[in-house]
Amino acid sequence: VVTVQEDVIALDAKVNFDDNALFRHKDILEYRDLDEEDPLEIE
């Protein structure tokens, strides 16, 4: 969004990561929410 004051702001945010590169990003792995994943895919 551009506000009335002409600031440019990310009102929403969606970020997906390449699973094959997650071994390089241990901090991102901490964001994983198993409640949002299919139980069979988790297994």
PDB file of all heavy atoms in Angstrom:
ATOM      1  N   VAL A   1       0.825  -1.210   0.000  1.00  0.00           N
ATOM      2  CA  VAL A   1       0.000   0.000   0.000  1.00  0.00           C
ATOM      3  C   VAL A   1       0.858   1.258   0.000  1.00  0.00           C
ATOM      4  O   VAL A   1       1.987   1.271   0.501  1.00  0.00           O
ATOM      5  CB  VAL A   1      -0.960   0.038   1.214  1.00  0.00           C
ATOM      6  CG1 VAL A   1      -1.885  -1.176   1.190  1.00  0.00           C
ATOM      7  CG2 VAL A   1      -0.204   0.112   2.529  1.00  0.00           C
ATOM      8  N   VAL A   2       0.280   2.296  -0.600  1.00  0.00           N
ATOM      9  CA  VAL A   2       0.807   3.654  -0.474  1.00  0.00           C
ATOM     10  C   VAL A   2      -0.184   4.401   0.404  1.00  0.00           C
ATOM     11  O   VAL A   2      -1.385   4.419   0.123  1.00  0.00           O
ATOM     12  CB  VAL A   2       0.937   4.344  -1.845  1.00  0.00           C
ATOM     13  CG1 VAL A   2       1.479   5.756  -1.666  1.00  0.00           C
ATOM     14  CG2 VAL A   2       1.829   3.544  -2.772  1.00  0.00           C
ATOM     15  N   THR A   3       0.310   4.979   1.496  1.00  0.00           N
ATOM     16  CA  THR A   3      -0.577   5.676   2.423  1.00  0.00           C
ATOM     17  C   THR A   3      -0.826   7.108   1.943  1.00  0.00           C
ATOM     18  O   THR A   3      -0.201   7.584   0.994  1.00  0.00           O
ATOM     19  CB  THR A   3       0.028   5.722   3.831  1.00  0.00           C
ATOM     20  OG1 THR A   3       1.208   6.540   3.803  1.00  0.00           O
ATOM     21  CG2 THR A   3       0.372   4.311   4.311  1.00  0.00           C
ATOM     22  N   VAL A   4      -1.726   7.779   2.630  1.00  0.00           N
ATOM     23  CA  VAL A   4      -2.008   9.181   2.325  1.00  0.00           C
ATOM     24  C   VAL A   4      -0.744  10.023   2.496  1.00  0.00           C
ATOM     25  O   VAL A   4      -0.539  11.018   1.792  1.00  0.00           O
ATOM     26  CB  VAL A   4      -3.146   9.688   3.234  1.00  0.00           C
ATOM     27  CG1 VAL A   4      -3.338  11.193   3.063  1.00  0.00           C
ATOM     28  CG2 VAL A   4      -4.448   8.945   2.941  1.00  0.00           C
ATOM     29  N   GLN A   5       0.124   9.586   3.414  1.00  0.00           N
ATOM     30  CA  GLN A   5       1.384  10.302   3.658  1.00  0.00           C
ATOM     31  C   GLN A   5       2.471   9.894   2.653  1.00  0.00           C
ATOM     32  O   GLN A   5       3.620  10.320   2.785  1.00  0.00           O
ATOM     33  CB  GLN A   5       1.872  10.021   5.081  1.00  0.00           C
ATOM     34  CG  GLN A   5       0.945  10.535   6.185  1.00  0.00           C
ATOM     35  CD  GLN A   5      -0.270   9.615   6.413  1.00  0.00           C
ATOM     36  OE1 GLN A   5      -0.230   8.430   6.062  1.00  0.00           O
ATOM     37  NE2 GLN A   5      -1.328  10.160   6.976  1.00  0.00           N
ATOM     38  N   GLU A   6       2.121   9.043   1.695  1.00  0.00           N
ATOM     39  CA  GLU A   6       3.012   8.547   0.639  1.00  0.00           C
ATOM     40  C   GLU A   6       4.098   7.600   1.151  1.00  0.00           C
ATOM     41  O   GLU A   6       5.156   7.465   0.540  1.00  0.00           O
ATOM     42  CB  GLU A   6       3.634   9.704  -0.165  1.00  0.00           C
ATOM     43  CG  GLU A   6       2.604  10.498  -0.954  1.00  0.00           C
ATOM     44  CD  GLU A   6       3.226  11.368  -2.033  1.00  0.00           C
ATOM     45  OE1 GLU A   6       3.402  10.860  -3.157  1.00  0.00           O
ATOM     46  OE2 GLU A   6       3.545  12.529  -1.732  1.00  0.00           O
ATOM     47  N   ASP A   7       3.837   6.978   2.279  1.00  0.00           N
ATOM     48  CA  ASP A   7       4.700   5.885   2.719  1.00  0.00           C
ATOM     49  C   ASP A   7       4.320   4.625   1.943  1.00  0.00           C
ATOM     50  O   ASP A   7       3.143   4.409   1.620  1.00  0.00           O
ATOM     51  CB  ASP A   7       4.530   5.623   4.220  1.00  0.00           C
ATOM     52  CG  ASP A   7       5.050   6.770   5.071  1.00  0.00           C
ATOM     53  OD1 ASP A   7       6.122   7.300   4.738  1.00  0.00           O
ATOM     54  OD2 ASP A   7       4.377   7.136   6.050  1.00  0.00           O
ATOM     55  N   VAL A   8       5.308   3.789   1.650  1.00  0.00           N
ATOM     56  CA  VAL A   8       5.064   2.517   0.950  1.00  0.00           C
ATOM     57  C   VAL A   8       5.281   1.402   1.968  1.00  0.00           C
ATOM     58  O   VAL A   8       6.381   1.238   2.501  1.00  0.00           O
ATOM     59  CB  VAL A   8       6.004   2.344  -0.258  1.00  0.00           C
ATOM     60  CG1 VAL A   8       5.673   1.062  -1.014  1.00  0.00           C
ATOM     61  CG2 VAL A   8       5.899   3.557  -1.184  1.00  0.00           C
ATOM     62  N   ILE A   9       4.216   0.622   2.228  1.00  0.00           N
ATOM     63  CA  ILE A   9       4.228  -0.321   3.344  1.00  0.00           C
ATOM     64  C   ILE A   9       3.701  -1.680   2.893  1.00  0.00           C
ATOM     65  O   ILE A   9       2.715  -1.767   2.143  1.00  0.00           O
ATOM     66  CB  ILE A   9       3.375   0.211   4.520  1.00  0.00           C
ATOM     67  CG1 ILE A   9       3.969   1.526   5.030  1.00  0.00           C
ATOM     68  CG2 ILE A   9       3.284  -0.815   5.648  1.00  0.00           C
ATOM     69  CD1 ILE A   9       3.134   2.193   6.113  1.00  0.00           C
ATOM     70  N   ALA A  10       4.335  -2.730   3.378  1.00  0.00           N
ATOM     71  CA  ALA A  10       3.877  -4.100   3.103  1.00  0.00           C
ATOM     72  C   ALA A  10       2.740  -4.432   4.064  1.00  0.00           C
ATOM     73  O   ALA A  10       2.974  -4.773   5.223  1.00  0.00           O
ATOM     74  CB  ALA A  10       5.015  -5.095   3.257  1.00  0.00           C
ATOM     75  N   LEU A  11       1.515  -4.332   3.576  1.00  0.00           N
ATOM     76  CA  LEU A  11       0.358  -4.598   4.425  1.00  0.00           C
ATOM     77  C   LEU A  11       0.150  -6.097   4.622  1.00  0.00           C
ATOM     78  O   LEU A  11      -0.418  -6.536   5.613  1.00  0.00           O
ATOM     79  CB  LEU A  11      -0.893  -3.967   3.803  1.00  0.00           C
ATOM     80  CG  LEU A  11      -2.093  -3.782   4.733  1.00  0.00           C
ATOM     81  CD1 LEU A  11      -1.751  -2.838   5.869  1.00  0.00           C
ATOM     82  CD2 LEU A  11      -3.297  -3.257   3.963  1.00  0.00           C
ATOM     83  N   ASP A  12       0.609  -6.870   3.670  1.00  0.00           N
ATOM     84  CA  ASP A  12       0.519  -8.328   3.758  1.00  0.00           C
ATOM     85  C   ASP A  12       1.919  -8.896   3.506  1.00  0.00           C
ATOM     86  O   ASP A  12       2.820  -8.186   3.033  1.00  0.00           O
ATOM     87  CB  ASP A  12      -0.473  -8.857   2.714  1.00  0.00           C
ATOM     88  CG  ASP A  12      -0.694 -10.355   2.818  1.00  0.00           C
ATOM     89  OD1 ASP A  12      -0.697 -10.873   3.952  1.00  0.00           O
ATOM     90  OD2 ASP A  12      -0.852 -11.015   1.776  1.00  0.00           O
ATOM     91  N   ALA A  13       2.113 -10.169   3.800  1.00  0.00           N
ATOM     92  CA  ALA A  13       3.419 -10.793   3.552  1.00  0.00           C
ATOM     93  C   ALA A  13       3.241 -12.299   3.417  1.00  0.00           C
ATOM     94  O   ALA A  13       2.674 -12.943   4.294  1.00  0.00           O
ATOM     95  CB  ALA A  13       4.389 -10.478   4.687  1.00  0.00           C
ATOM     96  N   LYS A  14       3.736 -12.821   2.313  1.00  0.00           N
ATOM     97  CA  LYS A  14       3.717 -14.267   2.095  1.00  0.00           C
ATOM     98  C   LYS A  14       5.097 -14.670   1.572  1.00  0.00           C
ATOM     99  O   LYS A  14       5.558 -14.139   0.557  1.00  0.00           O
ATOM    100  CB  LYS A  14       2.640 -14.655   1.086  1.00  0.00           C
ATOM    101  CG  LYS A  14       2.573 -16.149   0.790  1.00  0.00           C
ATOM    102  CD  LYS A  14       1.435 -16.461  -0.172  1.00  0.00           C
ATOM    103  CE  LYS A  14       1.340 -17.947  -0.472  1.00  0.00           C
ATOM    104  NZ  LYS A  14       0.217 -18.254  -1.397  1.00  0.00           N
ATOM    105  N   VAL A  15       5.746 -15.603   2.266  1.00  0.00           N
ATOM    106  CA  VAL A  15       7.070 -16.059   1.857  1.00  0.00           C
ATOM    107  C   VAL A  15       7.115 -17.579   1.923  1.00  0.00           C
ATOM    108  O   VAL A  15       6.778 -18.164   2.953  1.00  0.00           O
ATOM    109  CB  VAL A  15       8.179 -15.467   2.756  1.00  0.00           C
ATOM    110  CG1 VAL A  15       9.552 -15.939   2.282  1.00  0.00           C
ATOM    111  CG2 VAL A  15       8.119 -13.945   2.766  1.00  0.00           C
ATOM    112  N   ASN A  16       7.515 -18.212   0.820  1.00  0.00           N
ATOM    113  CA  ASN A  16       7.757 -19.652   0.773  1.00  0.00           C
ATOM    114  C   ASN A  16       9.236 -19.894   0.498  1.00  0.00           C
ATOM    115  O   ASN A  16       9.895 -19.090  -0.164  1.00  0.00           O
ATOM    116  CB  ASN A  16       6.924 -20.317  -0.320  1.00  0.00           C
ATOM    117  CG  ASN A  16       5.428 -20.225  -0.061  1.00  0.00           C
ATOM    118  OD1 ASN A  16       5.004 -19.846   1.028  1.00  0.00           O
ATOM    119  ND2 ASN A  16       4.633 -20.555  -1.062  1.00  0.00           N
ATOM    120  N   PHE A  17       9.729 -21.037   0.983  1.00  0.00           N
ATOM    121  CA  PHE A  17      11.150 -21.349   0.862  1.00  0.00           C
ATOM    122  C   PHE A  17      11.354 -22.663   0.113  1.00  0.00           C
ATOM    123  O   PHE A  17      10.528 -23.582   0.194  1.00  0.00           O
ATOM    124  CB  PHE A  17      11.796 -21.449   2.244  1.00  0.00           C
ATOM    125  CG  PHE A  17      11.611 -20.224   3.083  1.00  0.00           C
ATOM    126  CD1 PHE A  17      10.526 -20.112   3.936  1.00  0.00           C
ATOM    127  CD2 PHE A  17      12.503 -19.170   3.009  1.00  0.00           C
ATOM    128  CE1 PHE A  17      10.331 -18.975   4.702  1.00  0.00           C
ATOM    129  CE2 PHE A  17      12.323 -18.028   3.763  1.00  0.00           C
ATOM    130  CZ  PHE A  17      11.233 -17.935   4.615  1.00  0.00           C
ATOM    131  N   ASP A  18      12.482 -22.757  -0.582  1.00  0.00           N
ATOM    132  CA  ASP A  18      12.870 -23.992  -1.255  1.00  0.00           C
ATOM    133  C   ASP A  18      13.251 -25.024  -0.198  1.00  0.00           C
ATOM    134  O   ASP A  18      14.219 -24.839   0.541  1.00  0.00           O
ATOM    135  CB  ASP A  18      14.055 -23.714  -2.184  1.00  0.00           C
ATOM    136  CG  ASP A  18      14.476 -24.931  -2.999  1.00  0.00           C
ATOM    137  OD1 ASP A  18      14.040 -26.061  -2.676  1.00  0.00           O
ATOM    138  OD2 ASP A  18      15.250 -24.762  -3.953  1.00  0.00           O
ATOM    139  N   ASP A  19      12.481 -26.105  -0.114  1.00  0.00           N
ATOM    140  CA  ASP A  19      12.741 -27.133   0.900  1.00  0.00           C
ATOM    141  C   ASP A  19      14.147 -27.705   0.791  1.00  0.00           C
ATOM    142  O   ASP A  19      14.756 -28.085   1.799  1.00  0.00           O
ATOM    143  CB  ASP A  19      11.719 -28.273   0.772  1.00  0.00           C
ATOM    144  CG  ASP A  19      10.323 -27.845   1.183  1.00  0.00           C
ATOM    145  OD1 ASP A  19      10.204 -26.817   1.880  1.00  0.00           O
ATOM    146  OD2 ASP A  19       9.347 -28.526   0.806  1.00  0.00           O
ATOM    147  N   ASN A  20      14.667 -27.770  -0.431  1.00  0.00           N
ATOM    148  CA  ASN A  20      15.988 -28.360  -0.637  1.00  0.00           C
ATOM    149  C   ASN A  20      17.124 -27.497  -0.086  1.00  0.00           C
ATOM    150  O   ASN A  20      18.262 -27.967   0.011  1.00  0.00           O
ATOM    151  CB  ASN A  20      16.221 -28.611  -2.130  1.00  0.00           C
ATOM    152  CG  ASN A  20      15.256 -29.628  -2.688  1.00  0.00           C
ATOM    153  OD1 ASN A  20      15.108 -30.716  -2.149  1.00  0.00           O
ATOM    154  ND2 ASN A  20      14.565 -29.288  -3.767  1.00  0.00           N
ATOM    155  N   ALA A  21      16.817 -26.249   0.249  1.00  0.00           N
ATOM    156  CA  ALA A  21      17.855 -25.344   0.767  1.00  0.00           C
ATOM    157  C   ALA A  21      17.710 -25.074   2.256  1.00  0.00           C
ATOM    158  O   ALA A  21      18.500 -24.315   2.822  1.00  0.00           O
ATOM    159  CB  ALA A  21      17.809 -24.020   0.005  1.00  0.00           C
ATOM    160  N   LEU A  22      16.737 -25.705   2.899  1.00  0.00           N
ATOM    161  CA  LEU A  22      16.486 -25.397   4.306  1.00  0.00           C
ATOM    162  C   LEU A  22      17.630 -25.810   5.220  1.00  0.00           C
ATOM    163  O   LEU A  22      17.769 -25.283   6.325  1.00  0.00           O
ATOM    164  CB  LEU A  22      15.180 -26.067   4.763  1.00  0.00           C
ATOM    165  CG  LEU A  22      13.896 -25.425   4.227  1.00  0.00           C
ATOM    166  CD1 LEU A  22      12.687 -26.244   4.628  1.00  0.00           C
ATOM    167  CD2 LEU A  22      13.751 -23.987   4.727  1.00  0.00           C
ATOM    168  N   PHE A  23      18.462 -26.750   4.772  1.00  0.00           N
ATOM    169  CA  PHE A  23      19.604 -27.145   5.607  1.00  0.00           C
ATOM    170  C   PHE A  23      20.552 -25.971   5.847  1.00  0.00           C
ATOM    171  O   PHE A  23      21.335 -25.974   6.803  1.00  0.00           O
ATOM    172  CB  PHE A  23      20.360 -28.302   4.935  1.00  0.00           C
ATOM    173  CG  PHE A  23      21.130 -27.917   3.703  1.00  0.00           C
ATOM    174  CD1 PHE A  23      22.470 -27.572   3.789  1.00  0.00           C
ATOM    175  CD2 PHE A  23      20.513 -27.895   2.457  1.00  0.00           C
ATOM    176  CE1 PHE A  23      23.185 -27.213   2.650  1.00  0.00           C
ATOM    177  CE2 PHE A  23      21.219 -27.532   1.311  1.00  0.00           C
ATOM    178  CZ  PHE A  23      22.560 -27.194   1.407  1.00  0.00           C
ATOM    179  N   ARG A  24      20.458 -24.942   4.993  1.00  0.00           N
ATOM    180  CA  ARG A  24      21.311 -23.760   5.154  1.00  0.00           C
ATOM    181  C   ARG A  24      20.686 -22.724   6.086  1.00  0.00           C
ATOM    182  O   ARG A  24      21.338 -21.728   6.415  1.00  0.00           O
ATOM    183  CB  ARG A  24      21.563 -23.105   3.788  1.00  0.00           C
ATOM    184  CG  ARG A  24      22.414 -23.918   2.860  1.00  0.00           C
ATOM    185  CD  ARG A  24      22.965 -23.046   1.743  1.00  0.00           C
ATOM    186  NE  ARG A  24      21.980 -22.659   0.759  1.00  0.00           N
ATOM    187  CZ  ARG A  24      22.049 -22.981  -0.536  1.00  0.00           C
ATOM    188  NH1 ARG A  24      23.048 -23.725  -0.973  1.00  0.00           N
ATOM    189  NH2 ARG A  24      21.131 -22.577  -1.377  1.00  0.00           N
ATOM    190  N   HIS A  25      19.421 -22.928   6.457  1.00  0.00           N
ATOM    191  CA  HIS A  25      18.693 -21.884   7.177  1.00  0.00           C
ATOM    192  C   HIS A  25      17.989 -22.469   8.401  1.00  0.00           C
ATOM    193  O   HIS A  25      16.760 -22.634   8.418  1.00  0.00           O
ATOM    194  CB  HIS A  25      17.688 -21.211   6.240  1.00  0.00           C
ATOM    195  CG  HIS A  25      18.267 -20.739   4.950  1.00  0.00           C
ATOM    196  ND1 HIS A  25      19.193 -19.727   4.879  1.00  0.00           N
ATOM    197  CD2 HIS A  25      18.081 -21.168   3.672  1.00  0.00           C
ATOM    198  CE1 HIS A  25      19.548 -19.532   3.613  1.00  0.00           C
ATOM    199  NE2 HIS A  25      18.894 -20.398   2.866  1.00  0.00           N
ATOM    200  N   LYS A  26      18.760 -22.764   9.422  1.00  0.00           N
ATOM    201  CA  LYS A  26      18.196 -23.341  10.638  1.00  0.00           C
ATOM    202  C   LYS A  26      17.208 -22.386  11.295  1.00  0.00           C
ATOM    203  O   LYS A  26      16.239 -22.821  11.935  1.00  0.00           O
ATOM    204  CB  LYS A  26      19.315 -23.690  11.628  1.00  0.00           C
ATOM    205  CG  LYS A  26      20.393 -24.629  11.061  1.00  0.00           C
ATOM    206  CD  LYS A  26      19.833 -25.951  10.607  1.00  0.00           C
ATOM    207  CE  LYS A  26      20.941 -26.878  10.100  1.00  0.00           C
ATOM    208  NZ  LYS A  26      20.412 -28.149   9.560  1.00  0.00           N
ATOM    209  N   ASP A  27      17.432 -21.083  11.144  1.00  0.00           N
ATOM    210  CA  ASP A  27      16.509 -20.114  11.741  1.00  0.00           C
ATOM    211  C   ASP A  27      15.143 -20.165  11.082  1.00  0.00           C
ATOM    212  O   ASP A  27      14.114 -19.951  11.741  1.00  0.00           O
ATOM    213  CB  ASP A  27      17.094 -18.699  11.665  1.00  0.00           C
ATOM    214  CG  ASP A  27      17.512 -18.302  10.255  1.00  0.00           C
ATOM    215  OD1 ASP A  27      17.782 -19.200   9.432  1.00  0.00           O
ATOM    216  OD2 ASP A  27      17.585 -17.089   9.966  1.00  0.00           O
ATOM    217  N   ILE A  28      15.101 -20.456   9.794  1.00  0.00           N
ATOM    218  CA  ILE A  28      13.818 -20.559   9.099  1.00  0.00           C
ATOM    219  C   ILE A  28      13.086 -21.833   9.515  1.00  0.00           C
ATOM    220  O   ILE A  28      11.857 -21.840   9.663  1.00  0.00           O
ATOM    221  CB  ILE A  28      14.021 -20.532   7.575  1.00  0.00           C
ATOM    222  CG1 ILE A  28      14.657 -19.205   7.151  1.00  0.00           C
ATOM    223  CG2 ILE A  28      12.694 -20.745   6.843  1.00  0.00           C
ATOM    224  CD1 ILE A  28      13.835 -17.976   7.503  1.00  0.00           C
ATOM    225  N   LEU A  29      13.810 -22.904   9.745  1.00  0.00           N
ATOM    226  CA  LEU A  29      13.179 -24.156  10.185  1.00  0.00           C
ATOM    227  C   LEU A  29      12.430 -23.972  11.496  1.00  0.00           C
ATOM    228  O   LEU A  29      11.446 -24.673  11.754  1.00  0.00           O
ATOM    229  CB  LEU A  29      14.235 -25.247  10.333  1.00  0.00           C
ATOM    230  CG  LEU A  29      14.685 -25.942   9.041  1.00  0.00           C
ATOM    231  CD1 LEU A  29      15.870 -26.857   9.311  1.00  0.00           C
ATOM    232  CD2 LEU A  29      13.533 -26.728   8.424  1.00  0.00           C
ATOM    233  N   GLU A  30      12.870 -23.026  12.313  1.00  0.00           N
ATOM    234  CA  GLU A  30      12.185 -22.764  13.578  1.00  0.00           C
ATOM    235  C   GLU A  30      10.793 -22.174  13.361  1.00  0.00           C
ATOM    236  O   GLU A  30       9.958 -22.207  14.266  1.00  0.00           O
ATOM    237  CB  GLU A  30      13.026 -21.820  14.434  1.00  0.00           C
ATOM    238  CG  GLU A  30      14.348 -22.435  14.892  1.00  0.00           C
ATOM    239  CD  GLU A  30      15.202 -21.467  15.681  1.00  0.00           C
ATOM    240  OE1 GLU A  30      14.738 -20.323  15.913  1.00  0.00           O
ATOM    241  OE2 GLU A  30      16.325 -21.835  16.069  1.00  0.00           O
ATOM    242  N   TYR A  31      10.542 -21.631  12.185  1.00  0.00           N
ATOM    243  CA  TYR A  31       9.224 -21.070  11.868  1.00  0.00           C
ATOM    244  C   TYR A  31       8.205 -22.144  11.488  1.00  0.00           C
ATOM    245  O   TYR A  31       7.014 -21.856  11.350  1.00  0.00           O
ATOM    246  CB  TYR A  31       9.326 -20.097  10.686  1.00  0.00           C
ATOM    247  CG  TYR A  31       9.923 -18.744  11.023  1.00  0.00           C
ATOM    248  CD1 TYR A  31      10.675 -18.052  10.081  1.00  0.00           C
ATOM    249  CD2 TYR A  31       9.713 -18.142  12.251  1.00  0.00           C
ATOM    250  CE1 TYR A  31      11.207 -16.809  10.351  1.00  0.00           C
ATOM    251  CE2 TYR A  31      10.244 -16.898  12.545  1.00  0.00           C
ATOM    252  CZ  TYR A  31      10.987 -16.237  11.591  1.00  0.00           C
ATOM    253  OH  TYR A  31      11.505 -14.995  11.869  1.00  0.00           O
ATOM    254  N   ARG A  32       8.644 -23.370  11.283  1.00  0.00           N
ATOM    255  CA  ARG A  32       7.740 -24.421  10.812  1.00  0.00           C
ATOM    256  C   ARG A  32       6.588 -24.635  11.793  1.00  0.00           C
ATOM    257  O   ARG A  32       6.796 -24.794  12.992  1.00  0.00           O
ATOM    258  CB  ARG A  32       8.507 -25.722  10.618  1.00  0.00           C
ATOM    259  CG  ARG A  32       7.685 -26.823   9.947  1.00  0.00           C
ATOM    260  CD  ARG A  32       8.508 -28.087   9.741  1.00  0.00           C
ATOM    261  NE  ARG A  32       7.739 -29.114   9.047  1.00  0.00           N
ATOM    262  CZ  ARG A  32       8.149 -30.360   8.870  1.00  0.00           C
ATOM    263  NH1 ARG A  32       9.345 -30.737   9.331  1.00  0.00           N
ATOM    264  NH2 ARG A  32       7.380 -31.234   8.247  1.00  0.00           N
ATOM    265  N   ASP A  33       5.364 -24.658  11.274  1.00  0.00           N
ATOM    266  CA  ASP A  33       4.159 -24.863  12.081  1.00  0.00           C
ATOM    267  C   ASP A  33       3.513 -26.171  11.637  1.00  0.00           C
ATOM    268  O   ASP A  33       2.841 -26.233  10.604  1.00  0.00           O
ATOM    269  CB  ASP A  33       3.188 -23.692  11.898  1.00  0.00           C
ATOM    270  CG  ASP A  33       1.978 -23.783  12.827  1.00  0.00           C
ATOM    271  OD1 ASP A  33       1.791 -24.845  13.456  1.00  0.00           O
ATOM    272  OD2 ASP A  33       1.225 -22.791  12.922  1.00  0.00           O
ATOM    273  N   LEU A  34       3.708 -27.223  12.425  1.00  0.00           N
ATOM    274  CA  LEU A  34       3.209 -28.541  12.047  1.00  0.00           C
ATOM    275  C   LEU A  34       1.686 -28.601  12.042  1.00  0.00           C
ATOM    276  O   LEU A  34       1.102 -29.451  11.369  1.00  0.00           O
ATOM    277  CB  LEU A  34       3.772 -29.603  12.998  1.00  0.00           C
ATOM    278  CG  LEU A  34       5.299 -29.768  12.981  1.00  0.00           C
ATOM    279  CD1 LEU A  34       5.724 -30.871  13.938  1.00  0.00           C
ATOM    280  CD2 LEU A  34       5.793 -30.065  11.575  1.00  0.00           C
ATOM    281  N   ASP A  35       1.037 -27.687  12.780  1.00  0.00           N
ATOM    282  CA  ASP A  35      -0.435 -27.654  12.784  1.00  0.00           C
ATOM    283  C   ASP A  35      -0.989 -27.302  11.411  1.00  0.00           C
ATOM    284  O   ASP A  35      -2.154 -27.584  11.122  1.00  0.00           O
ATOM    285  CB  ASP A  35      -0.948 -26.640  13.814  1.00  0.00           C
ATOM    286  CG  ASP A  35      -0.738 -27.113  15.244  1.00  0.00           C
ATOM    287  OD1 ASP A  35      -0.576 -28.335  15.439  1.00  0.00           O
ATOM    288  OD2 ASP A  35      -0.741 -26.269  16.158  1.00  0.00           O
ATOM    289  N   GLU A  36      -0.174 -26.657  10.585  1.00  0.00           N
ATOM    290  CA  GLU A  36      -0.625 -26.222   9.269  1.00  0.00           C
ATOM    291  C   GLU A  36      -0.287 -27.229   8.166  1.00  0.00           C
ATOM    292  O   GLU A  36      -0.585 -26.990   7.003  1.00  0.00           O
ATOM    293  CB  GLU A  36       0.008 -24.873   8.925  1.00  0.00           C
ATOM    294  CG  GLU A  36      -0.480 -23.720   9.785  1.00  0.00           C
ATOM    295  CD  GLU A  36      -1.932 -23.359   9.507  1.00  0.00           C
ATOM    296  OE1 GLU A  36      -2.334 -23.360   8.338  1.00  0.00           O
ATOM    297  OE2 GLU A  36      -2.662 -23.087  10.475  1.00  0.00           O
ATOM    298  N   GLU A  37       0.351 -28.330   8.526  1.00  0.00           N
ATOM    299  CA  GLU A  37       0.775 -29.303   7.523  1.00  0.00           C
ATOM    300  C   GLU A  37      -0.042 -30.581   7.617  1.00  0.00           C
ATOM    301  O   GLU A  37      -0.583 -30.919   8.670  1.00  0.00           O
ATOM    302  CB  GLU A  37       2.265 -29.617   7.698  1.00  0.00           C
ATOM    303  CG  GLU A  37       3.171 -28.413   7.489  1.00  0.00           C
ATOM    304  CD  GLU A  37       4.643 -28.766   7.603  1.00  0.00           C
ATOM    305  OE1 GLU A  37       4.999 -29.928   7.313  1.00  0.00           O
ATOM    306  OE2 GLU A  37       5.438 -27.888   7.978  1.00  0.00           O
ATOM    307  N   ASP A  38      -0.111 -31.292   6.502  1.00  0.00           N
ATOM    308  CA  ASP A  38      -0.813 -32.566   6.450  1.00  0.00           C
ATOM    309  C   ASP A  38      -0.067 -33.588   7.315  1.00  0.00           C
ATOM    310  O   ASP A  38       1.151 -33.729   7.194  1.00  0.00           O
ATOM    311  CB  ASP A  38      -0.878 -33.055   4.999  1.00  0.00           C
ATOM    312  CG  ASP A  38      -1.691 -34.319   4.850  1.00  0.00           C
ATOM    313  OD1 ASP A  38      -1.142 -35.401   5.157  1.00  0.00           O
ATOM    314  OD2 ASP A  38      -2.846 -34.245   4.421  1.00  0.00           O
ATOM    315  N   PRO A  39      -0.767 -34.324   8.202  1.00  0.00           N
ATOM    316  CA  PRO A  39      -0.091 -35.291   9.083  1.00  0.00           C
ATOM    317  C   PRO A  39       0.727 -36.337   8.323  1.00  0.00           C
ATOM    318  O   PRO A  39       1.803 -36.731   8.774  1.00  0.00           O
ATOM    319  CB  PRO A  39      -1.248 -35.942   9.850  1.00  0.00           C
ATOM    320  CG  PRO A  39      -2.352 -34.929   9.818  1.00  0.00           C
ATOM    321  CD  PRO A  39      -2.208 -34.237   8.500  1.00  0.00           C
ATOM    322  N   LEU A  40       0.213 -36.788   7.171  1.00  0.00           N
ATOM    323  CA  LEU A  40       0.947 -37.782   6.395  1.00  0.00           C
ATOM    324  C   LEU A  40       2.216 -37.179   5.788  1.00  0.00           C
ATOM    325  O   LEU A  40       3.251 -37.857   5.700  1.00  0.00           O
ATOM    326  CB  LEU A  40       0.059 -38.360   5.296  1.00  0.00           C
ATOM    327  CG  LEU A  40      -1.135 -39.202   5.767  1.00  0.00           C
ATOM    328  CD1 LEU A  40      -1.948 -39.705   4.578  1.00  0.00           C
ATOM    329  CD2 LEU A  40      -0.667 -40.384   6.608  1.00  0.00           C
ATOM    330  N   GLU A  41       2.158 -35.915   5.391  1.00  0.00           N
ATOM    331  CA  GLU A  41       3.343 -35.259   4.843  1.00  0.00           C
ATOM    332  C   GLU A  41       4.394 -35.039   5.937  1.00  0.00           C
ATOM    333  O   GLU A  41       5.599 -35.132   5.681  1.00  0.00           O
ATOM    334  CB  GLU A  41       2.945 -33.932   4.189  1.00  0.00           C
ATOM    335  CG  GLU A  41       2.068 -34.125   2.948  1.00  0.00           C
ATOM    336  CD  GLU A  41       1.654 -32.817   2.296  1.00  0.00           C
ATOM    337  OE1 GLU A  41       2.205 -31.763   2.675  1.00  0.00           O
ATOM    338  OE2 GLU A  41       0.775 -32.845   1.422  1.00  0.00           O
ATOM    339  N   ILE A  42       3.931 -34.767   7.155  1.00  0.00           N
ATOM    340  CA  ILE A  42       4.858 -34.626   8.281  1.00  0.00           C
ATOM    341  C   ILE A  42       5.569 -35.954   8.530  1.00  0.00           C
ATOM    342  O   ILE A  42       6.787 -36.006   8.710  1.00  0.00           O
ATOM    343  CB  ILE A  42       4.108 -34.171   9.547  1.00  0.00           C
ATOM    344  CG1 ILE A  42       3.539 -32.760   9.355  1.00  0.00           C
ATOM    345  CG2 ILE A  42       5.035 -34.199  10.755  1.00  0.00           C
ATOM    346  CD1 ILE A  42       2.614 -32.321  10.459  1.00  0.00           C
ATOM    347  N   GLU A  43       4.795 -37.037   8.546  1.00  0.00           N
ATOM    348  CA  GLU A  43       5.374 -38.361   8.778  1.00  0.00           C
ATOM    349  C   GLU A  43       6.374 -38.715   7.676  1.00  0.00           C
ATOM    350  O   GLU A  43       7.447 -39.265   7.953  1.00  0.00           O
ATOM    351  CB  GLU A  43       4.257 -39.408   8.838  1.00  0.00           C
ATOM    352  CG  GLU A  43       4.710 -40.821   9.163  1.00  0.00           C
ATOM    353  CD  GLU A  43       5.313 -40.951  10.552  1.00  0.00           C
ATOM    354  OE1 GLU A  43       5.007 -40.107  11.428  1.00  0.00           O
ATOM    355  OE2 GLU A  43       6.105 -41.887  10.757  1.00  0.00           O
TER     356      GLU A  43
END
